[in-house]
Amino acid sequence: MANDVTVKIDIRKPAGKLGFGIPLILTIGKAVEYKECFEIADVVDAGYKDTTDTYKAASLMFSQTDKPSSIAIVGAESADAAVETLTANADKGWRRLVIVGAETAALSSVIDYINATDDKMIQLLHIFFGSDVTFRNIVESFFPACGQFRVKE
């Protein structure tokens, strides 16, 4: 007996929100409890004013055409406390990490932590506002042995 399956693939529309987990915005510089946010007002309720980089990052996520149904936010007092904060919240359903407020040097331990996990990923190029983290700094700091990465002025 044949079991036929019909699959419809629409290349004009992304696959959707499932499968990638909840994006987590990690803010360095202020300890804040993990909170899942379903709208931008939830970010304000968690203590982030509309002038903060965390609010701006969340606002960009929620303004996407194919926006996530929720995002999560958490804050670590310092870059040194970031891995401890992530470890304490590792089982909360987030998968993609977005960092706000970290200097390039501080990212090394967070990257090592993410690389050691099976189900998490970091989006380094989605580090938003107000830090010294630039694409150039990331490339030069984390890919120095890889000559094919060059950043044009």
C-alpha atoms as a PDB file:
ATOM      1  CA  MET A   1       0.000   0.000   0.000  1.00  0.00           C
ATOM      2  CA  ALA A   2       1.442   3.364  -1.029  1.00  0.00           C
ATOM      3  CA  ASN A   3       1.596   6.213   1.434  1.00  0.00           C
ATOM      4  CA  ASP A   4       1.725   9.395  -0.621  1.00  0.00           C
ATOM      5  CA  VAL A   5       2.412  12.695   1.078  1.00  0.00           C
ATOM      6  CA  THR A   6       1.723  16.053  -0.501  1.00  0.00           C
ATOM      7  CA  VAL A   7       4.024  18.864   0.557  1.00  0.00           C
ATOM      8  CA  LYS A   8       3.360  22.464  -0.374  1.00  0.00           C
ATOM      9  CA  ILE A   9       6.399  24.743  -0.357  1.00  0.00           C
ATOM     10  CA  ASP A  10       5.974  28.453  -0.926  1.00  0.00           C
ATOM     11  CA  ILE A  11       9.401  30.014  -1.449  1.00  0.00           C
ATOM     12  CA  ARG A  12       7.923  33.511  -1.255  1.00  0.00           C
ATOM     13  CA  LYS A  13       7.032  33.136   2.408  1.00  0.00           C
ATOM     14  CA  PRO A  14       9.360  32.085   5.243  1.00  0.00           C
ATOM     15  CA  ALA A  15       8.672  28.887   7.136  1.00  0.00           C
ATOM     16  CA  GLY A  16       7.327  30.744  10.132  1.00  0.00           C
ATOM     17  CA  LYS A  17       7.994  31.080  13.809  1.00  0.00           C
ATOM     18  CA  LEU A  18       8.173  27.472  14.896  1.00  0.00           C
ATOM     19  CA  GLY A  19      11.421  25.612  15.262  1.00  0.00           C
ATOM     20  CA  PHE A  20      13.703  28.478  16.163  1.00  0.00           C
ATOM     21  CA  GLY A  21      12.710  28.907  19.789  1.00  0.00           C
ATOM     22  CA  ILE A  22      12.261  32.186  21.583  1.00  0.00           C
ATOM     23  CA  PRO A  23      14.802  34.954  20.931  1.00  0.00           C
ATOM     24  CA  LEU A  24      16.432  36.045  24.194  1.00  0.00           C
ATOM     25  CA  ILE A  25      17.745  39.570  24.611  1.00  0.00           C
ATOM     26  CA  LEU A  26      20.538  39.549  27.183  1.00  0.00           C
ATOM     27  CA  THR A  27      21.285  42.993  28.558  1.00  0.00           C
ATOM     28  CA  ILE A  28      24.663  43.556  30.168  1.00  0.00           C
ATOM     29  CA  GLY A  29      24.815  46.174  32.923  1.00  0.00           C
ATOM     30  CA  LYS A  30      21.556  45.648  34.819  1.00  0.00           C
ATOM     31  CA  ALA A  31      20.395  42.473  36.553  1.00  0.00           C
ATOM     32  CA  VAL A  32      16.811  41.740  35.472  1.00  0.00           C
ATOM     33  CA  GLU A  33      14.810  38.552  35.983  1.00  0.00           C
ATOM     34  CA  TYR A  34      13.944  36.458  32.916  1.00  0.00           C
ATOM     35  CA  LYS A  35      10.639  37.519  31.412  1.00  0.00           C
ATOM     36  CA  GLU A  36       8.803  36.366  28.316  1.00  0.00           C
ATOM     37  CA  CYS A  37       7.249  39.288  26.434  1.00  0.00           C
ATOM     38  CA  PHE A  38       4.352  39.035  23.994  1.00  0.00           C
ATOM     39  CA  GLU A  39       4.243  42.723  23.079  1.00  0.00           C
ATOM     40  CA  ILE A  40       6.437  45.770  23.495  1.00  0.00           C
ATOM     41  CA  ALA A  41       4.450  46.916  26.554  1.00  0.00           C
ATOM     42  CA  ASP A  42       5.749  43.818  28.377  1.00  0.00           C
ATOM     43  CA  VAL A  43       9.311  45.071  27.842  1.00  0.00           C
ATOM     44  CA  VAL A  44       8.397  48.370  29.481  1.00  0.00           C
ATOM     45  CA  ASP A  45       6.730  46.477  32.348  1.00  0.00           C
ATOM     46  CA  ALA A  46      10.019  44.608  32.869  1.00  0.00           C
ATOM     47  CA  GLY A  47      11.770  47.927  33.504  1.00  0.00           C
ATOM     48  CA  TYR A  48      13.135  48.954  30.113  1.00  0.00           C
ATOM     49  CA  LYS A  49      12.147  52.473  29.049  1.00  0.00           C
ATOM     50  CA  ASP A  50      11.664  53.289  25.389  1.00  0.00           C
ATOM     51  CA  THR A  51      15.054  55.024  25.375  1.00  0.00           C
ATOM     52  CA  THR A  52      16.984  51.849  26.294  1.00  0.00           C
ATOM     53  CA  ASP A  53      18.830  49.663  23.832  1.00  0.00           C
ATOM     54  CA  THR A  54      16.907  46.623  25.079  1.00  0.00           C
ATOM     55  CA  TYR A  55      13.605  48.304  24.262  1.00  0.00           C
ATOM     56  CA  LYS A  56      14.909  49.315  20.813  1.00  0.00           C
ATOM     57  CA  ALA A  57      16.057  45.754  20.065  1.00  0.00           C
ATOM     58  CA  ALA A  58      12.715  44.319  21.202  1.00  0.00           C
ATOM     59  CA  SER A  59      10.847  46.924  19.193  1.00  0.00           C
ATOM     60  CA  LEU A  60      12.746  45.930  16.052  1.00  0.00           C
ATOM     61  CA  MET A  61      11.901  42.272  16.652  1.00  0.00           C
ATOM     62  CA  PHE A  62       8.215  42.971  17.217  1.00  0.00           C
ATOM     63  CA  SER A  63       8.034  45.232  14.154  1.00  0.00           C
ATOM     64  CA  GLN A  64       9.162  42.528  11.709  1.00  0.00           C
ATOM     65  CA  THR A  65       6.689  41.268   9.134  1.00  0.00           C
ATOM     66  CA  ASP A  66       7.118  37.706  10.354  1.00  0.00           C
ATOM     67  CA  LYS A  67       7.651  38.655  13.985  1.00  0.00           C
ATOM     68  CA  PRO A  68       8.141  36.129  16.777  1.00  0.00           C
ATOM     69  CA  SER A  69       5.063  35.403  18.864  1.00  0.00           C
ATOM     70  CA  SER A  70       7.157  36.230  21.926  1.00  0.00           C
ATOM     71  CA  ILE A  71      10.638  37.240  22.941  1.00  0.00           C
ATOM     72  CA  ALA A  72      12.396  36.896  26.262  1.00  0.00           C
ATOM     73  CA  ILE A  73      14.561  39.374  28.114  1.00  0.00           C
ATOM     74  CA  VAL A  74      17.023  38.936  30.936  1.00  0.00           C
ATOM     75  CA  GLY A  75      19.734  41.125  32.379  1.00  0.00           C
ATOM     76  CA  ALA A  76      23.144  40.406  33.861  1.00  0.00           C
ATOM     77  CA  GLU A  77      24.877  42.891  36.152  1.00  0.00           C
ATOM     78  CA  SER A  78      28.162  42.474  34.282  1.00  0.00           C
ATOM     79  CA  ALA A  79      29.742  40.591  31.416  1.00  0.00           C
ATOM     80  CA  ASP A  80      31.322  38.294  34.005  1.00  0.00           C
ATOM     81  CA  ALA A  81      27.846  37.342  35.266  1.00  0.00           C
ATOM     82  CA  ALA A  82      26.403  36.752  31.767  1.00  0.00           C
ATOM     83  CA  VAL A  83      27.223  33.037  31.535  1.00  0.00           C
ATOM     84  CA  GLU A  84      25.829  32.408  35.014  1.00  0.00           C
ATOM     85  CA  THR A  85      22.632  34.251  34.018  1.00  0.00           C
ATOM     86  CA  LEU A  86      22.317  32.239  30.806  1.00  0.00           C
ATOM     87  CA  THR A  87      22.953  28.954  32.611  1.00  0.00           C
ATOM     88  CA  ALA A  88      20.294  29.745  35.211  1.00  0.00           C
ATOM     89  CA  ASN A  89      17.774  30.356  32.422  1.00  0.00           C
ATOM     90  CA  ALA A  90      18.875  27.701  29.925  1.00  0.00           C
ATOM     91  CA  ASP A  91      15.704  25.627  30.260  1.00  0.00           C
ATOM     92  CA  LYS A  92      13.228  28.453  29.655  1.00  0.00           C
ATOM     93  CA  GLY A  93      12.627  27.845  25.927  1.00  0.00           C
ATOM     94  CA  TRP A  94      14.902  30.432  24.378  1.00  0.00           C
ATOM     95  CA  ARG A  95      17.233  29.420  21.600  1.00  0.00           C
ATOM     96  CA  ARG A  96      18.581  32.524  19.846  1.00  0.00           C
ATOM     97  CA  LEU A  97      20.671  34.899  21.912  1.00  0.00           C
ATOM     98  CA  VAL A  98      20.889  38.604  21.142  1.00  0.00           C
ATOM     99  CA  ILE A  99      23.267  40.647  23.296  1.00  0.00           C
ATOM    100  CA  VAL A 100      22.847  44.311  24.188  1.00  0.00           C
ATOM    101  CA  GLY A 101      25.408  46.427  26.025  1.00  0.00           C
ATOM    102  CA  ALA A 102      28.500  44.219  25.873  1.00  0.00           C
ATOM    103  CA  GLU A 103      31.990  45.134  24.832  1.00  0.00           C
ATOM    104  CA  THR A 104      33.716  42.872  22.336  1.00  0.00           C
ATOM    105  CA  ALA A 105      36.125  41.380  24.883  1.00  0.00           C
ATOM    106  CA  ALA A 106      33.244  40.395  27.130  1.00  0.00           C
ATOM    107  CA  LEU A 107      31.633  38.218  24.489  1.00  0.00           C
ATOM    108  CA  SER A 108      34.275  35.513  24.529  1.00  0.00           C
ATOM    109  CA  SER A 109      32.913  33.595  27.533  1.00  0.00           C
ATOM    110  CA  VAL A 110      29.336  33.884  26.256  1.00  0.00           C
ATOM    111  CA  ILE A 111      30.376  32.541  22.845  1.00  0.00           C
ATOM    112  CA  ASP A 112      32.197  29.640  24.512  1.00  0.00           C
ATOM    113  CA  TYR A 113      29.071  28.866  26.547  1.00  0.00           C
ATOM    114  CA  ILE A 114      26.774  28.921  23.506  1.00  0.00           C
ATOM    115  CA  ASN A 115      29.182  26.778  21.482  1.00  0.00           C
ATOM    116  CA  ALA A 116      29.171  24.186  24.271  1.00  0.00           C
ATOM    117  CA  THR A 117      25.380  23.817  24.130  1.00  0.00           C
ATOM    118  CA  ASP A 118      23.494  21.606  21.696  1.00  0.00           C
ATOM    119  CA  ASP A 119      20.388  23.712  21.297  1.00  0.00           C
ATOM    120  CA  LYS A 120      21.401  27.373  21.463  1.00  0.00           C
ATOM    121  CA  MET A 121      22.763  29.829  18.928  1.00  0.00           C
ATOM    122  CA  ILE A 122      24.095  33.343  19.149  1.00  0.00           C
ATOM    123  CA  GLN A 123      23.343  36.069  16.661  1.00  0.00           C
ATOM    124  CA  LEU A 124      26.448  38.165  16.904  1.00  0.00           C
ATOM    125  CA  LEU A 125      25.492  40.510  14.143  1.00  0.00           C
ATOM    126  CA  HIS A 126      22.292  41.402  15.931  1.00  0.00           C
ATOM    127  CA  ILE A 127      24.002  43.220  18.747  1.00  0.00           C
ATOM    128  CA  PHE A 128      22.280  46.520  18.619  1.00  0.00           C
ATOM    129  CA  PHE A 129      22.865  49.939  20.006  1.00  0.00           C
ATOM    130  CA  GLY A 130      25.214  51.833  22.246  1.00  0.00           C
ATOM    131  CA  SER A 131      28.193  49.505  22.545  1.00  0.00           C
ATOM    132  CA  ASP A 132      31.600  49.328  20.970  1.00  0.00           C
ATOM    133  CA  VAL A 133      30.641  46.068  19.291  1.00  0.00           C
ATOM    134  CA  THR A 134      30.828  46.456  15.541  1.00  0.00           C
ATOM    135  CA  PHE A 135      31.068  43.982  12.726  1.00  0.00           C
ATOM    136  CA  ARG A 136      34.725  44.946  12.335  1.00  0.00           C
ATOM    137  CA  ASN A 137      35.453  44.290  16.043  1.00  0.00           C
ATOM    138  CA  ILE A 138      33.717  40.903  15.940  1.00  0.00           C
ATOM    139  CA  VAL A 139      35.590  39.782  12.838  1.00  0.00           C
ATOM    140  CA  GLU A 140      38.946  40.988  14.116  1.00  0.00           C
ATOM    141  CA  SER A 141      38.449  39.568  17.609  1.00  0.00           C
ATOM    142  CA  PHE A 142      36.915  36.180  16.882  1.00  0.00           C
ATOM    143  CA  PHE A 143      38.134  35.254  13.416  1.00  0.00           C
ATOM    144  CA  PRO A 144      41.776  36.438  13.333  1.00  0.00           C
ATOM    145  CA  ALA A 145      43.093  33.177  11.904  1.00  0.00           C
ATOM    146  CA  CYS A 146      40.586  33.181   9.115  1.00  0.00           C
ATOM    147  CA  GLY A 147      42.094  35.354   6.405  1.00  0.00           C
ATOM    148  CA  GLN A 148      39.046  35.360   4.151  1.00  0.00           C
ATOM    149  CA  PHE A 149      37.142  37.671   6.520  1.00  0.00           C
ATOM    150  CA  ARG A 150      37.920  41.236   5.568  1.00  0.00           C
ATOM    151  CA  VAL A 151      35.890  44.317   6.354  1.00  0.00           C
ATOM    152  CA  LYS A 152      35.999  47.144   3.849  1.00  0.00           C
ATOM    153  CA  GLU A 153      36.049  50.738   5.105  1.00  0.00           C
END
